[in-house]
Amino acid sequence: MGFSASDVVPFTQARAKLSELADQAKAGAEKIITKNGESYVALIDAARLDYYHALERERIHLLLIEDARRGLADIAAGRTFEADRALAELQRRRAAAKAPTRRKRG
């Protein structure tokens, strides 16, 4: 969805015209309110915000399903480790990364 110049409103103007801007948002317009010349907040219809949140939840669920699919593929391919061994390896790597490096004297 594109924005027109009338959809970008300075904060001071938004304060003075909040009721009018809210009516426009309820009718489907999305307003970008700026502060000091930069995007600050958006004014949108509450139902549209609910829709955006539902889309985000759906996206998260799809990502989780994809993670599960990859995990099941790893199991099927035998790319697995015992939990204790995997945790020990992670701890070993972290300890090695934190350990100070020694310089050789020449």
PDB file of N, CA and C in Angstrom:
ATOM      1  N   MET A   1       0.850  -1.172   0.000  1.00  0.00           N
ATOM      2  CA  MET A   1       0.000   0.000   0.000  1.00  0.00           C
ATOM      3  C   MET A   1       0.891   1.228   0.000  1.00  0.00           C
ATOM      4  N   GLY A   2       0.610   2.157  -0.877  1.00  0.00           N
ATOM      5  CA  GLY A   2       1.398   3.373  -0.956  1.00  0.00           C
ATOM      6  C   GLY A   2       0.821   4.476  -0.093  1.00  0.00           C
ATOM      7  N   PHE A   3       1.639   5.456   0.146  1.00  0.00           N
ATOM      8  CA  PHE A   3       1.219   6.611   0.933  1.00  0.00           C
ATOM      9  C   PHE A   3       1.287   7.836   0.053  1.00  0.00           C
ATOM     10  N   SER A   4       0.374   8.750   0.284  1.00  0.00           N
ATOM     11  CA  SER A   4       0.438  10.034  -0.407  1.00  0.00           C
ATOM     12  C   SER A   4       0.938  11.078   0.584  1.00  0.00           C
ATOM     13  N   ALA A   5       1.234  12.255   0.063  1.00  0.00           N
ATOM     14  CA  ALA A   5       1.731  13.326   0.932  1.00  0.00           C
ATOM     15  C   ALA A   5       0.724  13.652   2.030  1.00  0.00           C
ATOM     16  N   SER A   6      -0.560  13.494   1.744  1.00  0.00           N
ATOM     17  CA  SER A   6      -1.573  13.814   2.765  1.00  0.00           C
ATOM     18  C   SER A   6      -1.624  12.779   3.883  1.00  0.00           C
ATOM     19  N   ASP A   7      -0.980  11.630   3.685  1.00  0.00           N
ATOM     20  CA  ASP A   7      -0.940  10.597   4.723  1.00  0.00           C
ATOM     21  C   ASP A   7       0.189  10.806   5.718  1.00  0.00           C
ATOM     22  N   VAL A   8       1.079  11.737   5.434  1.00  0.00           N
ATOM     23  CA  VAL A   8       2.192  12.058   6.326  1.00  0.00           C
ATOM     24  C   VAL A   8       1.860  13.379   7.012  1.00  0.00           C
ATOM     25  N   VAL A   9       1.748  13.321   8.343  1.00  0.00           N
ATOM     26  CA  VAL A   9       1.256  14.475   9.098  1.00  0.00           C
ATOM     27  C   VAL A   9       2.232  14.819  10.213  1.00  0.00           C
ATOM     28  N   PRO A  10       2.669  16.080  10.294  1.00  0.00           N
ATOM     29  CA  PRO A  10       3.529  16.477  11.416  1.00  0.00           C
ATOM     30  C   PRO A  10       2.781  16.331  12.746  1.00  0.00           C
ATOM     31  N   PHE A  11       3.517  16.016  13.793  1.00  0.00           N
ATOM     32  CA  PHE A  11       2.949  15.790  15.120  1.00  0.00           C
ATOM     33  C   PHE A  11       2.091  16.968  15.591  1.00  0.00           C
ATOM     34  N   THR A  12       2.577  18.171  15.407  1.00  0.00           N
ATOM     35  CA  THR A  12       1.822  19.350  15.862  1.00  0.00           C
ATOM     36  C   THR A  12       0.498  19.466  15.132  1.00  0.00           C
ATOM     37  N   GLN A  13       0.489  19.159  13.846  1.00  0.00           N
ATOM     38  CA  GLN A  13      -0.754  19.199  13.077  1.00  0.00           C
ATOM     39  C   GLN A  13      -1.683  18.063  13.498  1.00  0.00           C
ATOM     40  N   ALA A  14      -1.115  16.902  13.790  1.00  0.00           N
ATOM     41  CA  ALA A  14      -1.921  15.756  14.218  1.00  0.00           C
ATOM     42  C   ALA A  14      -2.633  16.047  15.531  1.00  0.00           C
ATOM     43  N   ARG A  15      -1.962  16.747  16.418  1.00  0.00           N
ATOM     44  CA  ARG A  15      -2.585  17.110  17.693  1.00  0.00           C
ATOM     45  C   ARG A  15      -3.828  17.959  17.469  1.00  0.00           C
ATOM     46  N   ALA A  16      -3.714  18.903  16.539  1.00  0.00           N
ATOM     47  CA  ALA A  16      -4.818  19.821  16.282  1.00  0.00           C
ATOM     48  C   ALA A  16      -5.954  19.154  15.506  1.00  0.00           C
ATOM     49  N   LYS A  17      -5.647  18.104  14.739  1.00  0.00           N
ATOM     50  CA  LYS A  17      -6.646  17.476  13.867  1.00  0.00           C
ATOM     51  C   LYS A  17      -6.875  16.004  14.217  1.00  0.00           C
ATOM     52  N   LEU A  18      -6.679  15.626  15.453  1.00  0.00           N
ATOM     53  CA  LEU A  18      -6.738  14.216  15.819  1.00  0.00           C
ATOM     54  C   LEU A  18      -8.077  13.578  15.472  1.00  0.00           C
ATOM     55  N   SER A  19      -9.178  14.242  15.770  1.00  0.00           N
ATOM     56  CA  SER A  19     -10.496  13.672  15.493  1.00  0.00           C
ATOM     57  C   SER A  19     -10.674  13.433  13.993  1.00  0.00           C
ATOM     58  N   GLU A  20     -10.286  14.398  13.179  1.00  0.00           N
ATOM     59  CA  GLU A  20     -10.397  14.265  11.722  1.00  0.00           C
ATOM     60  C   GLU A  20      -9.499  13.138  11.204  1.00  0.00           C
ATOM     61  N   LEU A  21      -8.279  13.064  11.715  1.00  0.00           N
ATOM     62  CA  LEU A  21      -7.364  12.007  11.301  1.00  0.00           C
ATOM     63  C   LEU A  21      -7.870  10.628  11.725  1.00  0.00           C
ATOM     64  N   ALA A  22      -8.457  10.548  12.910  1.00  0.00           N
ATOM     65  CA  ALA A  22      -9.012   9.281  13.391  1.00  0.00           C
ATOM     66  C   ALA A  22     -10.162   8.834  12.494  1.00  0.00           C
ATOM     67  N   ASP A  23     -11.015   9.766  12.070  1.00  0.00           N
ATOM     68  CA  ASP A  23     -12.114   9.427  11.154  1.00  0.00           C
ATOM     69  C   ASP A  23     -11.565   8.908   9.824  1.00  0.00           C
ATOM     70  N   GLN A  24     -10.489   9.529   9.331  1.00  0.00           N
ATOM     71  CA  GLN A  24      -9.876   9.082   8.081  1.00  0.00           C
ATOM     72  C   GLN A  24      -9.267   7.689   8.236  1.00  0.00           C
ATOM     73  N   ALA A  25      -8.644   7.444   9.385  1.00  0.00           N
ATOM     74  CA  ALA A  25      -8.066   6.122   9.650  1.00  0.00           C
ATOM     75  C   ALA A  25      -9.168   5.071   9.738  1.00  0.00           C
ATOM     76  N   LYS A  26     -10.268   5.411  10.373  1.00  0.00           N
ATOM     77  CA  LYS A  26     -11.397   4.484  10.493  1.00  0.00           C
ATOM     78  C   LYS A  26     -11.965   4.161   9.115  1.00  0.00           C
ATOM     79  N   ALA A  27     -11.871   5.117   8.194  1.00  0.00           N
ATOM     80  CA  ALA A  27     -12.376   4.926   6.832  1.00  0.00           C
ATOM     81  C   ALA A  27     -11.373   4.158   5.957  1.00  0.00           C
ATOM     82  N   GLY A  28     -10.195   3.833   6.485  1.00  0.00           N
ATOM     83  CA  GLY A  28      -9.248   3.021   5.745  1.00  0.00           C
ATOM     84  C   GLY A  28      -7.900   3.666   5.458  1.00  0.00           C
ATOM     85  N   ALA A  29      -7.770   4.955   5.698  1.00  0.00           N
ATOM     86  CA  ALA A  29      -6.483   5.622   5.461  1.00  0.00           C
ATOM     87  C   ALA A  29      -5.523   5.292   6.599  1.00  0.00           C
ATOM     88  N   GLU A  30      -4.266   5.192   6.272  1.00  0.00           N
ATOM     89  CA  GLU A  30      -3.240   5.022   7.292  1.00  0.00           C
ATOM     90  C   GLU A  30      -2.420   6.299   7.315  1.00  0.00           C
ATOM     91  N   LYS A  31      -2.251   6.864   8.479  1.00  0.00           N
ATOM     92  CA  LYS A  31      -1.527   8.127   8.618  1.00  0.00           C
ATOM     93  C   LYS A  31      -0.196   7.880   9.307  1.00  0.00           C
ATOM     94  N   ILE A  32       0.840   8.480   8.783  1.00  0.00           N
ATOM     95  CA  ILE A  32       2.156   8.448   9.421  1.00  0.00           C
ATOM     96  C   ILE A  32       2.349   9.804  10.083  1.00  0.00           C
ATOM     97  N   ILE A  33       2.542   9.791  11.371  1.00  0.00           N
ATOM     98  CA  ILE A  33       2.744  11.032  12.116  1.00  0.00           C
ATOM     99  C   ILE A  33       4.241  11.197  12.341  1.00  0.00           C
ATOM    100  N   THR A  34       4.734  12.369  11.976  1.00  0.00           N
ATOM    101  CA  THR A  34       6.170  12.634  12.076  1.00  0.00           C
ATOM    102  C   THR A  34       6.466  13.546  13.254  1.00  0.00           C
ATOM    103  N   LYS A  35       7.680  13.421  13.743  1.00  0.00           N
ATOM    104  CA  LYS A  35       8.167  14.292  14.811  1.00  0.00           C
ATOM    105  C   LYS A  35       9.588  14.678  14.426  1.00  0.00           C
ATOM    106  N   ASN A  36       9.841  15.963  14.412  1.00  0.00           N
ATOM    107  CA  ASN A  36      11.146  16.481  13.990  1.00  0.00           C
ATOM    108  C   ASN A  36      11.514  15.985  12.590  1.00  0.00           C
ATOM    109  N   GLY A  37      10.509  15.870  11.732  1.00  0.00           N
ATOM    110  CA  GLY A  37      10.742  15.492  10.349  1.00  0.00           C
ATOM    111  C   GLY A  37      10.944  14.016  10.084  1.00  0.00           C
ATOM    112  N   GLU A  38      10.840  13.162  11.103  1.00  0.00           N
ATOM    113  CA  GLU A  38      11.036  11.729  10.923  1.00  0.00           C
ATOM    114  C   GLU A  38       9.795  10.965  11.360  1.00  0.00           C
ATOM    115  N   SER A  39       9.563   9.791  10.747  1.00  0.00           N
ATOM    116  CA  SER A  39       8.429   8.951  11.127  1.00  0.00           C
ATOM    117  C   SER A  39       8.462   8.703  12.626  1.00  0.00           C
ATOM    118  N   TYR A  40       7.298   8.830  13.253  1.00  0.00           N
ATOM    119  CA  TYR A  40       7.231   8.680  14.707  1.00  0.00           C
ATOM    120  C   TYR A  40       6.237   7.580  15.093  1.00  0.00           C
ATOM    121  N   VAL A  41       4.984   7.703  14.675  1.00  0.00           N
ATOM    122  CA  VAL A  41       3.957   6.704  14.939  1.00  0.00           C
ATOM    123  C   VAL A  41       3.015   6.627  13.738  1.00  0.00           C
ATOM    124  N   ALA A  42       2.186   5.590  13.732  1.00  0.00           N
ATOM    125  CA  ALA A  42       1.177   5.440  12.685  1.00  0.00           C
ATOM    126  C   ALA A  42      -0.205   5.444  13.325  1.00  0.00           C
ATOM    127  N   LEU A  43      -1.150   5.970  12.593  1.00  0.00           N
ATOM    128  CA  LEU A  43      -2.542   5.979  13.036  1.00  0.00           C
ATOM    129  C   LEU A  43      -3.320   5.126  12.045  1.00  0.00           C
ATOM    130  N   ILE A  44      -3.834   3.978  12.526  1.00  0.00           N
ATOM    131  CA  ILE A  44      -4.592   3.069  11.665  1.00  0.00           C
ATOM    132  C   ILE A  44      -5.838   2.606  12.401  1.00  0.00           C
ATOM    133  N   ASP A  45      -6.774   2.064  11.648  1.00  0.00           N
ATOM    134  CA  ASP A  45      -8.003   1.524  12.210  1.00  0.00           C
ATOM    135  C   ASP A  45      -7.672   0.338  13.132  1.00  0.00           C
ATOM    136  N   ALA A  46      -8.357   0.228  14.241  1.00  0.00           N
ATOM    137  CA  ALA A  46      -8.089  -0.842  15.211  1.00  0.00           C
ATOM    138  C   ALA A  46      -8.315  -2.222  14.597  1.00  0.00           C
ATOM    139  N   ALA A  47      -9.315  -2.359  13.740  1.00  0.00           N
ATOM    140  CA  ALA A  47      -9.566  -3.655  13.094  1.00  0.00           C
ATOM    141  C   ALA A  47      -8.394  -4.039  12.188  1.00  0.00           C
ATOM    142  N   ARG A  48      -7.821  -3.061  11.503  1.00  0.00           N
ATOM    143  CA  ARG A  48      -6.668  -3.342  10.650  1.00  0.00           C
ATOM    144  C   ARG A  48      -5.469  -3.740  11.506  1.00  0.00           C
ATOM    145  N   LEU A  49      -5.291  -3.101  12.655  1.00  0.00           N
ATOM    146  CA  LEU A  49      -4.200  -3.473  13.554  1.00  0.00           C
ATOM    147  C   LEU A  49      -4.372  -4.913  14.022  1.00  0.00           C
ATOM    148  N   ASP A  50      -5.608  -5.297  14.371  1.00  0.00           N
ATOM    149  CA  ASP A  50      -5.871  -6.686  14.754  1.00  0.00           C
ATOM    150  C   ASP A  50      -5.497  -7.634  13.624  1.00  0.00           C
ATOM    151  N   TYR A  51      -5.823  -7.254  12.393  1.00  0.00           N
ATOM    152  CA  TYR A  51      -5.493  -8.065  11.223  1.00  0.00           C
ATOM    153  C   TYR A  51      -3.980  -8.201  11.083  1.00  0.00           C
ATOM    154  N   TYR A  52      -3.244  -7.108  11.237  1.00  0.00           N
ATOM    155  CA  TYR A  52      -1.788  -7.149  11.154  1.00  0.00           C
ATOM    156  C   TYR A  52      -1.214  -8.073  12.226  1.00  0.00           C
ATOM    157  N   HIS A  53      -1.765  -8.020  13.420  1.00  0.00           N
ATOM    158  CA  HIS A  53      -1.293  -8.892  14.503  1.00  0.00           C
ATOM    159  C   HIS A  53      -1.578 -10.355  14.170  1.00  0.00           C
ATOM    160  N   ALA A  54      -2.747 -10.628  13.584  1.00  0.00           N
ATOM    161  CA  ALA A  54      -3.078 -12.005  13.192  1.00  0.00           C
ATOM    162  C   ALA A  54      -2.108 -12.499  12.125  1.00  0.00           C
ATOM    163  N   LEU A  55      -1.765 -11.636  11.177  1.00  0.00           N
ATOM    164  CA  LEU A  55      -0.795 -12.014  10.146  1.00  0.00           C
ATOM    165  C   LEU A  55       0.563 -12.338  10.766  1.00  0.00           C
ATOM    166  N   GLU A  56       0.976 -11.548  11.735  1.00  0.00           N
ATOM    167  CA  GLU A  56       2.258 -11.778  12.395  1.00  0.00           C
ATOM    168  C   GLU A  56       2.248 -13.101  13.160  1.00  0.00           C
ATOM    169  N   ARG A  57       1.148 -13.392  13.847  1.00  0.00           N
ATOM    170  CA  ARG A  57       1.043 -14.677  14.558  1.00  0.00           C
ATOM    171  C   ARG A  57       1.106 -15.835  13.565  1.00  0.00           C
ATOM    172  N   GLU A  58       0.432 -15.676  12.428  1.00  0.00           N
ATOM    173  CA  GLU A  58       0.447 -16.725  11.409  1.00  0.00           C
ATOM    174  C   GLU A  58       1.859 -16.931  10.865  1.00  0.00           C
ATOM    175  N   ARG A  59       2.565 -15.841  10.634  1.00  0.00           N
ATOM    176  CA  ARG A  59       3.943 -15.936  10.152  1.00  0.00           C
ATOM    177  C   ARG A  59       4.820 -16.680  11.156  1.00  0.00           C
ATOM    178  N   ILE A  60       4.653 -16.369  12.438  1.00  0.00           N
ATOM    179  CA  ILE A  60       5.420 -17.050  13.486  1.00  0.00           C
ATOM    180  C   ILE A  60       5.097 -18.534  13.490  1.00  0.00           C
ATOM    181  N   HIS A  61       3.817 -18.884  13.356  1.00  0.00           N
ATOM    182  CA  HIS A  61       3.433 -20.299  13.331  1.00  0.00           C
ATOM    183  C   HIS A  61       4.053 -21.014  12.137  1.00  0.00           C
ATOM    184  N   LEU A  62       4.070 -20.356  10.973  1.00  0.00           N
ATOM    185  CA  LEU A  62       4.688 -20.966   9.795  1.00  0.00           C
ATOM    186  C   LEU A  62       6.186 -21.183  10.003  1.00  0.00           C
ATOM    187  N   LEU A  63       6.848 -20.226  10.658  1.00  0.00           N
ATOM    188  CA  LEU A  63       8.269 -20.397  10.956  1.00  0.00           C
ATOM    189  C   LEU A  63       8.507 -21.564  11.911  1.00  0.00           C
ATOM    190  N   LEU A  64       7.642 -21.697  12.915  1.00  0.00           N
ATOM    191  CA  LEU A  64       7.772 -22.814  13.859  1.00  0.00           C
ATOM    192  C   LEU A  64       7.547 -24.146  13.160  1.00  0.00           C
ATOM    193  N   ILE A  65       6.571 -24.191  12.255  1.00  0.00           N
ATOM    194  CA  ILE A  65       6.311 -25.423  11.505  1.00  0.00           C
ATOM    195  C   ILE A  65       7.525 -25.771  10.651  1.00  0.00           C
ATOM    196  N   GLU A  66       8.133 -24.771  10.018  1.00  0.00           N
ATOM    197  CA  GLU A  66       9.325 -25.014   9.203  1.00  0.00           C
ATOM    198  C   GLU A  66      10.485 -25.506  10.070  1.00  0.00           C
ATOM    199  N   ASP A  67      10.662 -24.932  11.257  1.00  0.00           N
ATOM    200  CA  ASP A  67      11.706 -25.410  12.177  1.00  0.00           C
ATOM    201  C   ASP A  67      11.458 -26.872  12.556  1.00  0.00           C
ATOM    202  N   ALA A  68      10.205 -27.209  12.832  1.00  0.00           N
ATOM    203  CA  ALA A  68       9.864 -28.590  13.190  1.00  0.00           C
ATOM    204  C   ALA A  68      10.136 -29.520  12.011  1.00  0.00           C
ATOM    205  N   ARG A  69       9.792 -29.079  10.797  1.00  0.00           N
ATOM    206  CA  ARG A  69      10.034 -29.895   9.606  1.00  0.00           C
ATOM    207  C   ARG A  69      11.528 -30.171   9.440  1.00  0.00           C
ATOM    208  N   ARG A  70      12.349 -29.125   9.620  1.00  0.00           N
ATOM    209  CA  ARG A  70      13.796 -29.309   9.503  1.00  0.00           C
ATOM    210  C   ARG A  70      14.319 -30.246  10.596  1.00  0.00           C
ATOM    211  N   GLY A  71      13.778 -30.118  11.793  1.00  0.00           N
ATOM    212  CA  GLY A  71      14.189 -31.001  12.882  1.00  0.00           C
ATOM    213  C   GLY A  71      13.841 -32.448  12.595  1.00  0.00           C
ATOM    214  N   LEU A  72      12.657 -32.678  12.082  1.00  0.00           N
ATOM    215  CA  LEU A  72      12.257 -34.048  11.740  1.00  0.00           C
ATOM    216  C   LEU A  72      13.121 -34.597  10.605  1.00  0.00           C
ATOM    217  N   ALA A  73      13.484 -33.738   9.659  1.00  0.00           N
ATOM    218  CA  ALA A  73      14.370 -34.169   8.567  1.00  0.00           C
ATOM    219  C   ALA A  73      15.741 -34.537   9.124  1.00  0.00           C
ATOM    220  N   ASP A  74      16.239 -33.769  10.095  1.00  0.00           N
ATOM    221  CA  ASP A  74      17.522 -34.096  10.727  1.00  0.00           C
ATOM    222  C   ASP A  74      17.453 -35.450  11.424  1.00  0.00           C
ATOM    223  N   ILE A  75      16.348 -35.703  12.111  1.00  0.00           N
ATOM    224  CA  ILE A  75      16.190 -36.994  12.803  1.00  0.00           C
ATOM    225  C   ILE A  75      16.170 -38.130  11.791  1.00  0.00           C
ATOM    226  N   ALA A  76      15.407 -37.935  10.716  1.00  0.00           N
ATOM    227  CA  ALA A  76      15.307 -38.980   9.690  1.00  0.00           C
ATOM    228  C   ALA A  76      16.660 -39.249   9.038  1.00  0.00           C
ATOM    229  N   ALA A  77      17.492 -38.204   8.920  1.00  0.00           N
ATOM    230  CA  ALA A  77      18.804 -38.366   8.289  1.00  0.00           C
ATOM    231  C   ALA A  77      19.881 -38.783   9.286  1.00  0.00           C
ATOM    232  N   GLY A  78      19.510 -38.942  10.540  1.00  0.00           N
ATOM    233  CA  GLY A  78      20.477 -39.372  11.543  1.00  0.00           C
ATOM    234  C   GLY A  78      21.379 -38.263  12.049  1.00  0.00           C
ATOM    235  N   ARG A  79      20.997 -37.030  11.798  1.00  0.00           N
ATOM    236  CA  ARG A  79      21.807 -35.892  12.275  1.00  0.00           C
ATOM    237  C   ARG A  79      21.327 -35.488  13.673  1.00  0.00           C
ATOM    238  N   THR A  80      21.581 -36.347  14.639  1.00  0.00           N
ATOM    239  CA  THR A  80      21.132 -36.084  16.003  1.00  0.00           C
ATOM    240  C   THR A  80      22.277 -36.284  16.980  1.00  0.00           C
ATOM    241  N   PHE A  81      22.150 -35.698  18.162  1.00  0.00           N
ATOM    242  CA  PHE A  81      23.122 -35.840  19.242  1.00  0.00           C
ATOM    243  C   PHE A  81      22.353 -36.048  20.532  1.00  0.00           C
ATOM    244  N   GLU A  82      22.951 -36.756  21.448  1.00  0.00           N
ATOM    245  CA  GLU A  82      22.352 -36.857  22.774  1.00  0.00           C
ATOM    246  C   GLU A  82      22.423 -35.484  23.409  1.00  0.00           C
ATOM    247  N   ALA A  83      21.404 -35.127  24.167  1.00  0.00           N
ATOM    248  CA  ALA A  83      21.312 -33.787  24.755  1.00  0.00           C
ATOM    249  C   ALA A  83      22.516 -33.480  25.639  1.00  0.00           C
ATOM    250  N   ASP A  84      22.924 -34.430  26.477  1.00  0.00           N
ATOM    251  CA  ASP A  84      24.060 -34.184  27.374  1.00  0.00           C
ATOM    252  C   ASP A  84      25.333 -33.898  26.583  1.00  0.00           C
ATOM    253  N   ARG A  85      25.546 -34.638  25.508  1.00  0.00           N
ATOM    254  CA  ARG A  85      26.744 -34.444  24.690  1.00  0.00           C
ATOM    255  C   ARG A  85      26.686 -33.095  23.971  1.00  0.00           C
ATOM    256  N   ALA A  86      25.519 -32.731  23.458  1.00  0.00           N
ATOM    257  CA  ALA A  86      25.373 -31.448  22.758  1.00  0.00           C
ATOM    258  C   ALA A  86      25.600 -30.284  23.714  1.00  0.00           C
ATOM    259  N   LEU A  87      25.052 -30.357  24.920  1.00  0.00           N
ATOM    260  CA  LEU A  87      25.240 -29.281  25.908  1.00  0.00           C
ATOM    261  C   LEU A  87      26.699 -29.179  26.337  1.00  0.00           C
ATOM    262  N   ALA A  88      27.330 -30.317  26.527  1.00  0.00           N
ATOM    263  CA  ALA A  88      28.748 -30.299  26.901  1.00  0.00           C
ATOM    264  C   ALA A  88      29.587 -29.655  25.803  1.00  0.00           C
ATOM    265  N   GLU A  89      29.277 -29.944  24.557  1.00  0.00           N
ATOM    266  CA  GLU A  89      30.019 -29.351  23.436  1.00  0.00           C
ATOM    267  C   GLU A  89      29.797 -27.839  23.382  1.00  0.00           C
ATOM    268  N   LEU A  90      28.568 -27.381  23.605  1.00  0.00           N
ATOM    269  CA  LEU A  90      28.295 -25.942  23.645  1.00  0.00           C
ATOM    270  C   LEU A  90      29.073 -25.262  24.764  1.00  0.00           C
ATOM    271  N   GLN A  91      29.084 -25.875  25.931  1.00  0.00           N
ATOM    272  CA  GLN A  91      29.816 -25.303  27.053  1.00  0.00           C
ATOM    273  C   GLN A  91      31.311 -25.253  26.753  1.00  0.00           C
ATOM    274  N   ARG A  92      31.847 -26.295  26.123  1.00  0.00           N
ATOM    275  CA  ARG A  92      33.259 -26.325  25.765  1.00  0.00           C
ATOM    276  C   ARG A  92      33.578 -25.194  24.790  1.00  0.00           C
ATOM    277  N   ARG A  93      32.722 -24.977  23.804  1.00  0.00           N
ATOM    278  CA  ARG A  93      32.961 -23.912  22.820  1.00  0.00           C
ATOM    279  C   ARG A  93      32.896 -22.535  23.466  1.00  0.00           C
ATOM    280  N   ARG A  94      31.947 -22.343  24.354  1.00  0.00           N
ATOM    281  CA  ARG A  94      31.831 -21.049  25.049  1.00  0.00           C
ATOM    282  C   ARG A  94      33.053 -20.781  25.909  1.00  0.00           C
ATOM    283  N   ALA A  95      33.496 -21.810  26.620  1.00  0.00           N
ATOM    284  CA  ALA A  95      34.674 -21.648  27.475  1.00  0.00           C
ATOM    285  C   ALA A  95      35.900 -21.335  26.626  1.00  0.00           C
ATOM    286  N   ALA A  96      36.025 -21.993  25.487  1.00  0.00           N
ATOM    287  CA  ALA A  96      37.171 -21.744  24.603  1.00  0.00           C
ATOM    288  C   ALA A  96      37.118 -20.327  24.048  1.00  0.00           C
ATOM    289  N   ALA A  97      35.933 -19.828  23.754  1.00  0.00           N
ATOM    290  CA  ALA A  97      35.793 -18.472  23.211  1.00  0.00           C
ATOM    291  C   ALA A  97      36.122 -17.415  24.265  1.00  0.00           C
ATOM    292  N   LYS A  98      35.863 -17.702  25.529  1.00  0.00           N
ATOM    293  CA  LYS A  98      36.118 -16.741  26.612  1.00  0.00           C
ATOM    294  C   LYS A  98      37.556 -16.791  27.108  1.00  0.00           C
ATOM    295  N   ALA A  99      38.239 -17.904  26.854  1.00  0.00           N
ATOM    296  CA  ALA A  99      39.601 -18.067  27.366  1.00  0.00           C
ATOM    297  C   ALA A  99      40.529 -17.056  26.710  1.00  0.00           C
ATOM    298  N   PRO A 100      41.401 -16.442  27.522  1.00  0.00           N
ATOM    299  CA  PRO A 100      42.358 -15.486  26.943  1.00  0.00           C
ATOM    300  C   PRO A 100      43.346 -16.215  26.046  1.00  0.00           C
ATOM    301  N   THR A 101      43.727 -15.551  24.992  1.00  0.00           N
ATOM    302  CA  THR A 101      44.714 -16.154  24.093  1.00  0.00           C
ATOM    303  C   THR A 101      46.108 -15.886  24.620  1.00  0.00           C
ATOM    304  N   ARG A 102      46.996 -16.841  24.458  1.00  0.00           N
ATOM    305  CA  ARG A 102      48.370 -16.691  24.933  1.00  0.00           C
ATOM    306  C   ARG A 102      49.245 -16.324  23.745  1.00  0.00           C
ATOM    307  N   ARG A 103      50.175 -15.395  24.015  1.00  0.00           N
ATOM    308  CA  ARG A 103      51.121 -14.998  22.973  1.00  0.00           C
ATOM    309  C   ARG A 103      52.427 -15.769  23.148  1.00  0.00           C
ATOM    310  N   LYS A 104      52.986 -16.129  22.033  1.00  0.00           N
ATOM    311  CA  LYS A 104      54.304 -16.773  22.080  1.00  0.00           C
ATOM    312  C   LYS A 104      55.353 -15.701  22.173  1.00  0.00           C
ATOM    313  N   ARG A 105      56.366 -15.963  22.964  1.00  0.00           N
ATOM    314  CA  ARG A 105      57.477 -15.005  23.070  1.00  0.00           C
ATOM    315  C   ARG A 105      58.503 -15.369  22.008  1.00  0.00           C
ATOM    316  N   GLY A 106      58.963 -14.356  21.338  1.00  0.00           N
ATOM    317  CA  GLY A 106      59.910 -14.615  20.266  1.00  0.00           C
ATOM    318  C   GLY A 106      61.312 -14.342  20.579  1.00  0.00           C
TER     319      GLY A 106
END
